[in-house]
Amino acid sequence: MLLLHPGFVRTEMTGHQGLIDVSESAAGLLARIDALGLEETGSFWHESGERLEF
């Protein structure tokens, strides 16, 4: 299991003030899912590839 942060995405929820668009966020999340394995189970990752603390 991984926890993934989509980033500050330009959507209605953010008043379209986000830093990245939906397709960029989705691409980053898919890249994280493809790159991470069982060793990272229980970790928290930003769509940009940065490991986050929680």
N, C-alpha and C. Protein backbone atom coordinates (compact mmCIF):
# COMPACT_ATOMS: atom_id res chain seq x y z
N MET A 1 0.83 -1.17 0.00
CA MET A 1 0.00 0.00 0.00
C MET A 1 0.88 1.25 0.00
N LEU A 2 0.53 2.19 -0.84
CA LEU A 2 1.21 3.48 -0.90
C LEU A 2 0.21 4.59 -0.66
N LEU A 3 0.67 5.66 -0.07
CA LEU A 3 -0.12 6.88 0.02
C LEU A 3 0.43 7.84 -1.01
N LEU A 4 -0.44 8.42 -1.82
CA LEU A 4 0.00 9.31 -2.89
C LEU A 4 -0.65 10.68 -2.76
N HIS A 5 0.16 11.72 -2.90
CA HIS A 5 -0.31 13.10 -2.87
C HIS A 5 -0.34 13.60 -4.31
N PRO A 6 -1.49 14.06 -4.80
CA PRO A 6 -1.59 14.46 -6.20
C PRO A 6 -0.94 15.79 -6.53
N GLY A 7 -0.51 16.54 -5.52
CA GLY A 7 0.02 17.88 -5.75
C GLY A 7 -1.10 18.91 -5.65
N PHE A 8 -0.75 20.17 -5.85
CA PHE A 8 -1.72 21.28 -5.80
C PHE A 8 -2.25 21.45 -7.22
N VAL A 9 -3.37 20.79 -7.48
CA VAL A 9 -3.90 20.64 -8.84
C VAL A 9 -4.94 21.72 -9.14
N ARG A 10 -4.88 22.26 -10.37
CA ARG A 10 -5.85 23.27 -10.81
C ARG A 10 -7.20 22.60 -11.06
N THR A 11 -8.09 22.73 -10.10
CA THR A 11 -9.45 22.19 -10.20
C THR A 11 -10.41 23.20 -9.60
N GLU A 12 -11.71 22.91 -9.68
CA GLU A 12 -12.69 23.76 -9.02
C GLU A 12 -12.44 23.81 -7.52
N MET A 13 -12.01 22.68 -6.96
CA MET A 13 -11.78 22.60 -5.52
C MET A 13 -10.72 23.60 -5.06
N THR A 14 -9.72 23.89 -5.89
CA THR A 14 -8.66 24.83 -5.54
C THR A 14 -8.91 26.21 -6.14
N GLY A 15 -10.11 26.42 -6.68
CA GLY A 15 -10.40 27.70 -7.33
C GLY A 15 -9.54 27.92 -8.56
N HIS A 16 -9.10 26.82 -9.17
CA HIS A 16 -8.23 26.84 -10.36
C HIS A 16 -6.91 27.57 -10.09
N GLN A 17 -6.49 27.55 -8.82
CA GLN A 17 -5.24 28.21 -8.41
C GLN A 17 -4.09 27.24 -8.24
N GLY A 18 -4.27 25.97 -8.59
CA GLY A 18 -3.23 24.98 -8.41
C GLY A 18 -1.99 25.25 -9.25
N LEU A 19 -0.95 24.52 -8.97
CA LEU A 19 0.33 24.69 -9.67
C LEU A 19 0.47 23.80 -10.89
N ILE A 20 -0.30 22.69 -10.94
CA ILE A 20 -0.23 21.76 -12.06
C ILE A 20 -1.63 21.41 -12.53
N ASP A 21 -1.74 20.96 -13.78
CA ASP A 21 -3.06 20.57 -14.28
C ASP A 21 -3.32 19.10 -13.98
N VAL A 22 -4.56 18.69 -14.20
CA VAL A 22 -5.00 17.34 -13.86
C VAL A 22 -4.17 16.28 -14.59
N SER A 23 -3.91 16.47 -15.87
CA SER A 23 -3.16 15.45 -16.62
C SER A 23 -1.72 15.32 -16.12
N GLU A 24 -1.10 16.42 -15.71
CA GLU A 24 0.26 16.35 -15.16
C GLU A 24 0.25 15.60 -13.82
N SER A 25 -0.75 15.87 -12.99
CA SER A 25 -0.86 15.16 -11.72
C SER A 25 -1.06 13.67 -11.95
N ALA A 26 -1.97 13.32 -12.83
CA ALA A 26 -2.25 11.91 -13.10
C ALA A 26 -1.01 11.20 -13.64
N ALA A 27 -0.28 11.85 -14.54
CA ALA A 27 0.94 11.25 -15.09
C ALA A 27 1.97 11.02 -13.98
N GLY A 28 2.11 11.98 -13.07
CA GLY A 28 3.05 11.81 -11.97
C GLY A 28 2.65 10.68 -11.04
N LEU A 29 1.35 10.57 -10.76
CA LEU A 29 0.87 9.49 -9.90
C LEU A 29 1.10 8.13 -10.54
N LEU A 30 0.83 8.03 -11.83
CA LEU A 30 1.07 6.76 -12.53
C LEU A 30 2.55 6.40 -12.54
N ALA A 31 3.41 7.40 -12.70
CA ALA A 31 4.85 7.16 -12.67
C ALA A 31 5.28 6.64 -11.31
N ARG A 32 4.71 7.20 -10.22
CA ARG A 32 5.03 6.72 -8.87
C ARG A 32 4.57 5.27 -8.71
N ILE A 33 3.36 4.97 -9.15
CA ILE A 33 2.83 3.61 -9.02
C ILE A 33 3.71 2.62 -9.76
N ASP A 34 4.16 3.00 -10.96
CA ASP A 34 5.02 2.12 -11.75
C ASP A 34 6.41 1.93 -11.13
N ALA A 35 6.93 2.98 -10.49
CA ALA A 35 8.31 2.96 -10.00
C ALA A 35 8.47 2.33 -8.62
N LEU A 36 7.43 2.37 -7.81
CA LEU A 36 7.57 1.92 -6.42
C LEU A 36 7.13 0.48 -6.26
N GLY A 37 7.77 -0.21 -5.33
CA GLY A 37 7.49 -1.63 -5.13
C GLY A 37 7.19 -1.95 -3.68
N LEU A 38 7.28 -3.22 -3.35
CA LEU A 38 6.96 -3.68 -2.01
C LEU A 38 7.84 -3.04 -0.93
N GLU A 39 9.06 -2.67 -1.28
CA GLU A 39 9.97 -2.07 -0.30
C GLU A 39 9.43 -0.74 0.22
N GLU A 40 8.59 -0.07 -0.56
CA GLU A 40 8.07 1.24 -0.18
C GLU A 40 6.68 1.15 0.47
N THR A 41 6.21 -0.06 0.76
CA THR A 41 4.89 -0.23 1.37
C THR A 41 4.78 0.62 2.63
N GLY A 42 3.68 1.33 2.75
CA GLY A 42 3.42 2.18 3.91
C GLY A 42 4.04 3.56 3.83
N SER A 43 4.65 3.91 2.71
CA SER A 43 5.28 5.22 2.58
C SER A 43 4.34 6.20 1.86
N PHE A 44 4.66 7.49 1.93
CA PHE A 44 3.85 8.57 1.40
C PHE A 44 4.67 9.30 0.35
N TRP A 45 4.11 9.46 -0.85
CA TRP A 45 4.85 10.03 -1.98
C TRP A 45 4.06 11.14 -2.66
N HIS A 46 4.76 12.19 -3.06
CA HIS A 46 4.20 13.28 -3.86
C HIS A 46 4.26 12.85 -5.32
N GLU A 47 3.35 13.36 -6.13
CA GLU A 47 3.35 12.99 -7.55
C GLU A 47 4.66 13.34 -8.24
N SER A 48 5.40 14.28 -7.70
CA SER A 48 6.67 14.71 -8.30
C SER A 48 7.81 13.71 -8.04
N GLY A 49 7.56 12.76 -7.14
CA GLY A 49 8.59 11.77 -6.81
C GLY A 49 9.23 11.98 -5.47
N GLU A 50 8.87 13.04 -4.77
CA GLU A 50 9.42 13.34 -3.45
C GLU A 50 8.75 12.46 -2.40
N ARG A 51 9.56 11.84 -1.55
CA ARG A 51 9.01 11.07 -0.43
C ARG A 51 8.60 12.05 0.66
N LEU A 52 7.39 11.90 1.17
CA LEU A 52 6.85 12.80 2.17
C LEU A 52 6.77 12.11 3.53
N GLU A 53 6.90 12.89 4.57
CA GLU A 53 6.76 12.38 5.94
C GLU A 53 5.33 12.64 6.39
N PHE A 54 4.81 11.73 7.18
CA PHE A 54 3.46 11.95 7.74
C PHE A 54 3.42 11.62 9.20
